[in-house]
Amino acid sequence: MRFPPSTRVRVLQHDAIREDFPPETFDLVHAGTLLCHLPQREELLHRAVGRVRPGSWLVIEDLSVRPVDASAHPLFRNGLYNL
């Protein structure tokens, strides 16, 4: 990810399983195609929720290997076609 030179951004990468941060530390927490690969995904998701400041962003992008039409969730089934 690149930001204009005038943007004050500090990008951190860390081991989500072994490392932790104090609550409400970040304005943005992003995990891309991470949680679907880890057995402790729900615990890590709850920890990530706690790391963002109120009014900030948590962005989770994960892989779905199931056919969209086979999903039990109507919003998921229909949502991808309505982008």
C-alpha atoms as a PDB file:
ATOM      1  CA  MET A   1       0.000   0.000   0.000  1.00  0.00           C
ATOM      2  CA  ARG A   2       1.379   3.416  -0.938  1.00  0.00           C
ATOM      3  CA  PHE A   3       0.383   6.801   0.435  1.00  0.00           C
ATOM      4  CA  PRO A   4       1.295  10.312  -0.744  1.00  0.00           C
ATOM      5  CA  PRO A   5       4.437  11.618   0.995  1.00  0.00           C
ATOM      6  CA  SER A   6       2.421  14.225   2.927  1.00  0.00           C
ATOM      7  CA  THR A   7       0.178  11.547   4.501  1.00  0.00           C
ATOM      8  CA  ARG A   8       1.014  10.714   8.084  1.00  0.00           C
ATOM      9  CA  VAL A   9       0.625   6.949   8.055  1.00  0.00           C
ATOM     10  CA  ARG A  10       2.484   4.339  10.028  1.00  0.00           C
ATOM     11  CA  VAL A  11       2.071   0.851   8.566  1.00  0.00           C
ATOM     12  CA  LEU A  12       2.680  -2.106  10.861  1.00  0.00           C
ATOM     13  CA  GLN A  13       2.783  -5.784  10.069  1.00  0.00           C
ATOM     14  CA  HIS A  14       2.700  -8.323  12.839  1.00  0.00           C
ATOM     15  CA  ASP A  15       1.974 -11.911  13.769  1.00  0.00           C
ATOM     16  CA  ALA A  16      -1.727 -11.817  14.656  1.00  0.00           C
ATOM     17  CA  ILE A  17      -1.456 -15.028  16.672  1.00  0.00           C
ATOM     18  CA  ARG A  18       1.593 -14.205  18.807  1.00  0.00           C
ATOM     19  CA  GLU A  19       1.562 -10.411  19.077  1.00  0.00           C
ATOM     20  CA  ASP A  20      -1.000  -8.097  20.598  1.00  0.00           C
ATOM     21  CA  PHE A  21      -1.693  -4.386  20.991  1.00  0.00           C
ATOM     22  CA  PRO A  22      -3.535  -2.330  23.601  1.00  0.00           C
ATOM     23  CA  PRO A  23      -7.278  -1.778  22.982  1.00  0.00           C
ATOM     24  CA  GLU A  24      -8.310   1.123  20.735  1.00  0.00           C
ATOM     25  CA  THR A  25      -4.825   1.549  19.273  1.00  0.00           C
ATOM     26  CA  PHE A  26      -5.536   1.981  15.563  1.00  0.00           C
ATOM     27  CA  ASP A  27      -7.587   4.066  13.134  1.00  0.00           C
ATOM     28  CA  LEU A  28      -7.517   1.199  10.629  1.00  0.00           C
ATOM     29  CA  VAL A  29      -7.028  -2.544  11.055  1.00  0.00           C
ATOM     30  CA  HIS A  30      -6.909  -4.564   7.837  1.00  0.00           C
ATOM     31  CA  ALA A  31      -6.643  -8.331   7.425  1.00  0.00           C
ATOM     32  CA  GLY A  32      -6.648  -9.689   3.902  1.00  0.00           C
ATOM     33  CA  THR A  33      -7.188 -13.407   3.318  1.00  0.00           C
ATOM     34  CA  LEU A  34      -5.931 -14.237   6.783  1.00  0.00           C
ATOM     35  CA  LEU A  35      -8.682 -15.428   9.086  1.00  0.00           C
ATOM     36  CA  CYS A  36      -9.968 -18.169   6.769  1.00  0.00           C
ATOM     37  CA  HIS A  37      -6.634 -19.970   7.190  1.00  0.00           C
ATOM     38  CA  LEU A  38      -6.459 -19.935  10.991  1.00  0.00           C
ATOM     39  CA  PRO A  39      -8.269 -22.219  13.432  1.00  0.00           C
ATOM     40  CA  GLN A  40      -8.545 -19.393  16.011  1.00  0.00           C
ATOM     41  CA  ARG A  41     -10.235 -17.041  13.514  1.00  0.00           C
ATOM     42  CA  GLU A  42     -13.111 -16.037  15.810  1.00  0.00           C
ATOM     43  CA  GLU A  43     -10.787 -15.129  18.680  1.00  0.00           C
ATOM     44  CA  LEU A  44      -8.582 -13.105  16.328  1.00  0.00           C
ATOM     45  CA  LEU A  45     -11.594 -11.315  14.867  1.00  0.00           C
ATOM     46  CA  HIS A  46     -12.751 -10.294  18.361  1.00  0.00           C
ATOM     47  CA  ARG A  47      -9.240  -9.075  19.188  1.00  0.00           C
ATOM     48  CA  ALA A  48      -9.104  -7.063  15.948  1.00  0.00           C
ATOM     49  CA  VAL A  49     -12.453  -5.426  16.752  1.00  0.00           C
ATOM     50  CA  GLY A  50     -11.025  -4.288  20.075  1.00  0.00           C
ATOM     51  CA  ARG A  51      -7.923  -2.754  18.487  1.00  0.00           C
ATOM     52  CA  VAL A  52      -9.729  -0.073  16.457  1.00  0.00           C
ATOM     53  CA  ARG A  53     -10.608   3.264  18.003  1.00  0.00           C
ATOM     54  CA  PRO A  54     -14.313   4.210  18.131  1.00  0.00           C
ATOM     55  CA  GLY A  55     -15.362   5.552  14.736  1.00  0.00           C
ATOM     56  CA  SER A  56     -12.418   3.896  12.980  1.00  0.00           C
ATOM     57  CA  TRP A  57     -12.232   1.122  10.391  1.00  0.00           C
ATOM     58  CA  LEU A  58     -11.866  -2.644  10.588  1.00  0.00           C
ATOM     59  CA  VAL A  59     -11.510  -4.200   7.126  1.00  0.00           C
ATOM     60  CA  ILE A  60     -11.593  -7.991   6.873  1.00  0.00           C
ATOM     61  CA  GLU A  61     -11.215  -9.481   3.412  1.00  0.00           C
ATOM     62  CA  ASP A  62     -11.441 -13.226   3.324  1.00  0.00           C
ATOM     63  CA  LEU A  63     -11.727 -15.992   0.822  1.00  0.00           C
ATOM     64  CA  SER A  64     -14.889 -17.947   0.284  1.00  0.00           C
ATOM     65  CA  VAL A  65     -14.305 -21.259  -1.399  1.00  0.00           C
ATOM     66  CA  ARG A  66     -18.003 -22.141  -1.440  1.00  0.00           C
ATOM     67  CA  PRO A  67     -20.068 -21.461  -4.529  1.00  0.00           C
ATOM     68  CA  VAL A  68     -21.990 -18.251  -3.877  1.00  0.00           C
ATOM     69  CA  ASP A  69     -25.276 -19.815  -4.951  1.00  0.00           C
ATOM     70  CA  ALA A  70     -24.864 -22.556  -2.319  1.00  0.00           C
ATOM     71  CA  SER A  71     -24.578 -20.147   0.613  1.00  0.00           C
ATOM     72  CA  ALA A  72     -27.223 -20.427   3.319  1.00  0.00           C
ATOM     73  CA  HIS A  73     -27.118 -16.642   3.738  1.00  0.00           C
ATOM     74  CA  PRO A  74     -29.411 -14.746   1.314  1.00  0.00           C
ATOM     75  CA  LEU A  75     -27.443 -11.506   1.673  1.00  0.00           C
ATOM     76  CA  PHE A  76     -24.250 -13.252   0.667  1.00  0.00           C
ATOM     77  CA  ARG A  77     -25.971 -15.083  -2.208  1.00  0.00           C
ATOM     78  CA  ASN A  78     -27.488 -11.897  -3.594  1.00  0.00           C
ATOM     79  CA  GLY A  79     -24.960  -9.289  -2.482  1.00  0.00           C
ATOM     80  CA  LEU A  80     -22.121 -10.313  -4.742  1.00  0.00           C
ATOM     81  CA  TYR A  81     -24.292  -9.951  -7.797  1.00  0.00           C
ATOM     82  CA  ASN A  82     -25.512  -6.487  -6.820  1.00  0.00           C
ATOM     83  CA  LEU A  83     -22.157  -4.728  -6.540  1.00  0.00           C
END
